[in-house]
Amino acid sequence: MELFGEAFNLFNHVNVTSVGTRNYSITGTATAPTLTFDSQFAIPTGSTTSTGSLTQRQIQIGARLHF
């Protein structure tokens, strides 16, 4: 009897590639500008697992019987 197992992307680690960098934006008119906080500031917007071929953990086990 032969037992085996395989695992891909076992630790499922996300590598952040881009982050929202705009903290404030100026809105309104030229005579009355308003400073507005951007809610996406410092929020990860891209990662290596979002476009990679191994986006989730993949684990398989198996057994083979030779007779």
N, C-alpha and C. Protein backbone atom coordinates (compact mmCIF):
# COMPACT_ATOMS: atom_id res chain seq x y z
N MET A 1 0.85 -1.18 0.00
CA MET A 1 0.00 0.00 0.00
C MET A 1 0.90 1.24 0.00
N GLU A 2 0.53 2.21 -0.79
CA GLU A 2 1.29 3.46 -0.90
C GLU A 2 0.36 4.62 -0.55
N LEU A 3 0.79 5.45 0.41
CA LEU A 3 0.04 6.65 0.80
C LEU A 3 0.82 7.88 0.36
N PHE A 4 0.14 8.89 -0.13
CA PHE A 4 0.83 10.11 -0.55
C PHE A 4 -0.06 11.32 -0.35
N GLY A 5 0.57 12.47 -0.29
CA GLY A 5 -0.15 13.73 -0.15
C GLY A 5 0.59 14.85 -0.85
N GLU A 6 -0.13 15.82 -1.34
CA GLU A 6 0.44 16.98 -2.01
C GLU A 6 -0.25 18.24 -1.52
N ALA A 7 0.50 19.32 -1.43
CA ALA A 7 -0.08 20.60 -1.00
C ALA A 7 0.51 21.72 -1.85
N PHE A 8 -0.35 22.63 -2.28
CA PHE A 8 0.05 23.80 -3.04
C PHE A 8 -0.45 25.04 -2.32
N ASN A 9 0.39 26.06 -2.20
CA ASN A 9 0.05 27.30 -1.52
C ASN A 9 -0.48 27.00 -0.11
N LEU A 10 0.26 26.16 0.60
CA LEU A 10 -0.19 25.65 1.89
C LEU A 10 -0.42 26.75 2.91
N PHE A 11 0.46 27.75 2.98
CA PHE A 11 0.33 28.79 3.98
C PHE A 11 -0.58 29.93 3.53
N ASN A 12 -0.97 29.94 2.26
CA ASN A 12 -1.94 30.90 1.73
C ASN A 12 -1.57 32.33 2.11
N HIS A 13 -0.32 32.71 1.90
CA HIS A 13 0.19 34.02 2.29
C HIS A 13 -0.09 35.05 1.20
N VAL A 14 -0.67 36.16 1.57
CA VAL A 14 -0.98 37.23 0.62
C VAL A 14 0.17 38.23 0.60
N ASN A 15 0.70 38.53 -0.58
CA ASN A 15 1.72 39.55 -0.76
C ASN A 15 1.05 40.78 -1.36
N VAL A 16 0.97 41.84 -0.58
CA VAL A 16 0.31 43.07 -1.03
C VAL A 16 1.21 43.76 -2.05
N THR A 17 0.63 44.13 -3.20
CA THR A 17 1.40 44.78 -4.25
C THR A 17 1.06 46.26 -4.41
N SER A 18 -0.11 46.68 -3.95
CA SER A 18 -0.45 48.10 -4.03
C SER A 18 -1.39 48.47 -2.89
N VAL A 19 -1.28 49.74 -2.47
CA VAL A 19 -2.04 50.25 -1.34
C VAL A 19 -2.58 51.62 -1.73
N GLY A 20 -3.79 51.95 -1.27
CA GLY A 20 -4.36 53.27 -1.52
C GLY A 20 -3.50 54.35 -0.86
N THR A 21 -3.01 55.32 -1.63
CA THR A 21 -2.09 56.32 -1.10
C THR A 21 -2.68 57.72 -1.01
N ARG A 22 -3.88 57.93 -1.51
CA ARG A 22 -4.48 59.27 -1.45
C ARG A 22 -5.21 59.42 -0.12
N ASN A 23 -4.72 60.32 0.74
CA ASN A 23 -5.30 60.50 2.06
C ASN A 23 -6.46 61.49 2.03
N TYR A 24 -6.28 62.58 1.33
CA TYR A 24 -7.33 63.61 1.22
C TYR A 24 -7.46 64.03 -0.24
N SER A 25 -8.64 64.52 -0.59
CA SER A 25 -8.84 65.09 -1.92
C SER A 25 -9.56 66.43 -1.75
N ILE A 26 -9.34 67.30 -2.71
CA ILE A 26 -9.97 68.62 -2.68
C ILE A 26 -11.18 68.59 -3.60
N THR A 27 -12.33 68.87 -3.04
CA THR A 27 -13.57 68.91 -3.82
C THR A 27 -14.21 70.28 -3.66
N GLY A 28 -15.25 70.52 -4.37
CA GLY A 28 -15.94 71.80 -4.29
C GLY A 28 -15.52 72.71 -5.43
N THR A 29 -15.76 74.00 -5.25
CA THR A 29 -15.44 74.98 -6.29
C THR A 29 -14.11 75.63 -5.98
N ALA A 30 -13.62 76.42 -6.93
CA ALA A 30 -12.35 77.12 -6.73
C ALA A 30 -12.44 78.17 -5.64
N THR A 31 -13.62 78.74 -5.45
CA THR A 31 -13.78 79.76 -4.42
C THR A 31 -14.06 79.16 -3.05
N ALA A 32 -14.59 77.94 -2.99
CA ALA A 32 -14.89 77.28 -1.71
C ALA A 32 -14.44 75.82 -1.75
N PRO A 33 -13.13 75.58 -1.73
CA PRO A 33 -12.65 74.19 -1.77
C PRO A 33 -12.93 73.47 -0.44
N THR A 34 -13.15 72.18 -0.53
CA THR A 34 -13.41 71.35 0.64
C THR A 34 -12.42 70.20 0.65
N LEU A 35 -11.81 69.96 1.81
CA LEU A 35 -10.87 68.86 1.97
C LEU A 35 -11.64 67.64 2.46
N THR A 36 -11.59 66.54 1.70
CA THR A 36 -12.38 65.35 1.99
C THR A 36 -11.45 64.16 2.22
N PHE A 37 -11.69 63.43 3.31
CA PHE A 37 -10.90 62.23 3.61
C PHE A 37 -11.28 61.11 2.66
N ASP A 38 -10.28 60.40 2.15
CA ASP A 38 -10.51 59.26 1.27
C ASP A 38 -10.56 57.98 2.11
N SER A 39 -11.68 57.27 2.10
CA SER A 39 -11.86 56.09 2.94
C SER A 39 -10.99 54.91 2.48
N GLN A 40 -10.43 54.95 1.28
CA GLN A 40 -9.58 53.87 0.78
C GLN A 40 -8.10 54.07 1.13
N PHE A 41 -7.78 55.09 1.91
CA PHE A 41 -6.39 55.35 2.28
C PHE A 41 -5.84 54.19 3.11
N ALA A 42 -4.65 53.71 2.76
CA ALA A 42 -3.92 52.63 3.44
C ALA A 42 -4.63 51.28 3.39
N ILE A 43 -5.57 51.10 2.47
CA ILE A 43 -6.26 49.83 2.28
C ILE A 43 -5.58 49.10 1.11
N PRO A 44 -5.18 47.83 1.28
CA PRO A 44 -4.58 47.09 0.17
C PRO A 44 -5.55 46.98 -1.01
N THR A 45 -5.05 47.32 -2.20
CA THR A 45 -5.90 47.28 -3.39
C THR A 45 -5.46 46.21 -4.39
N GLY A 46 -4.31 45.59 -4.18
CA GLY A 46 -3.85 44.54 -5.08
C GLY A 46 -2.94 43.58 -4.35
N SER A 47 -2.93 42.32 -4.81
CA SER A 47 -2.07 41.32 -4.20
C SER A 47 -1.65 40.31 -5.24
N THR A 48 -0.64 39.51 -4.89
CA THR A 48 -0.16 38.50 -5.83
C THR A 48 -1.13 37.35 -5.96
N THR A 49 -1.98 37.12 -4.96
CA THR A 49 -2.92 36.01 -5.04
C THR A 49 -4.18 36.37 -5.82
N SER A 50 -4.39 37.66 -6.12
CA SER A 50 -5.60 38.04 -6.85
C SER A 50 -5.51 37.67 -8.32
N THR A 51 -4.31 37.55 -8.88
CA THR A 51 -4.17 37.19 -10.29
C THR A 51 -3.36 35.92 -10.49
N GLY A 52 -2.84 35.35 -9.44
CA GLY A 52 -2.00 34.16 -9.56
C GLY A 52 -2.79 32.91 -9.86
N SER A 53 -2.09 31.86 -10.24
CA SER A 53 -2.76 30.60 -10.55
C SER A 53 -3.09 29.81 -9.30
N LEU A 54 -2.43 30.11 -8.18
CA LEU A 54 -2.71 29.43 -6.92
C LEU A 54 -3.36 30.40 -5.95
N THR A 55 -4.64 30.69 -6.15
CA THR A 55 -5.31 31.69 -5.34
C THR A 55 -5.77 31.14 -4.00
N GLN A 56 -5.93 29.84 -3.84
CA GLN A 56 -6.36 29.28 -2.58
C GLN A 56 -5.51 28.05 -2.27
N ARG A 57 -5.66 27.54 -1.05
CA ARG A 57 -4.95 26.32 -0.68
C ARG A 57 -5.49 25.15 -1.48
N GLN A 58 -4.58 24.31 -1.91
CA GLN A 58 -4.98 23.10 -2.63
C GLN A 58 -4.24 21.94 -1.99
N ILE A 59 -4.98 21.03 -1.37
CA ILE A 59 -4.40 19.88 -0.67
C ILE A 59 -5.11 18.64 -1.17
N GLN A 60 -4.32 17.60 -1.46
CA GLN A 60 -4.92 16.34 -1.84
C GLN A 60 -4.13 15.20 -1.22
N ILE A 61 -4.84 14.16 -0.86
CA ILE A 61 -4.21 12.97 -0.33
C ILE A 61 -4.70 11.78 -1.15
N GLY A 62 -3.91 10.72 -1.13
CA GLY A 62 -4.32 9.55 -1.92
C GLY A 62 -3.66 8.28 -1.41
N ALA A 63 -4.15 7.19 -1.88
CA ALA A 63 -3.61 5.88 -1.54
C ALA A 63 -3.66 5.01 -2.78
N ARG A 64 -2.66 4.15 -2.89
CA ARG A 64 -2.59 3.24 -4.03
C ARG A 64 -2.28 1.84 -3.49
N LEU A 65 -3.02 0.89 -3.93
CA LEU A 65 -2.83 -0.51 -3.47
C LEU A 65 -2.28 -1.32 -4.64
N HIS A 66 -1.10 -1.90 -4.44
CA HIS A 66 -0.47 -2.77 -5.45
C HIS A 66 -0.67 -4.21 -5.03
N PHE A 67 -1.18 -5.05 -5.93
CA PHE A 67 -1.31 -6.47 -5.60
C PHE A 67 -0.98 -7.30 -6.83
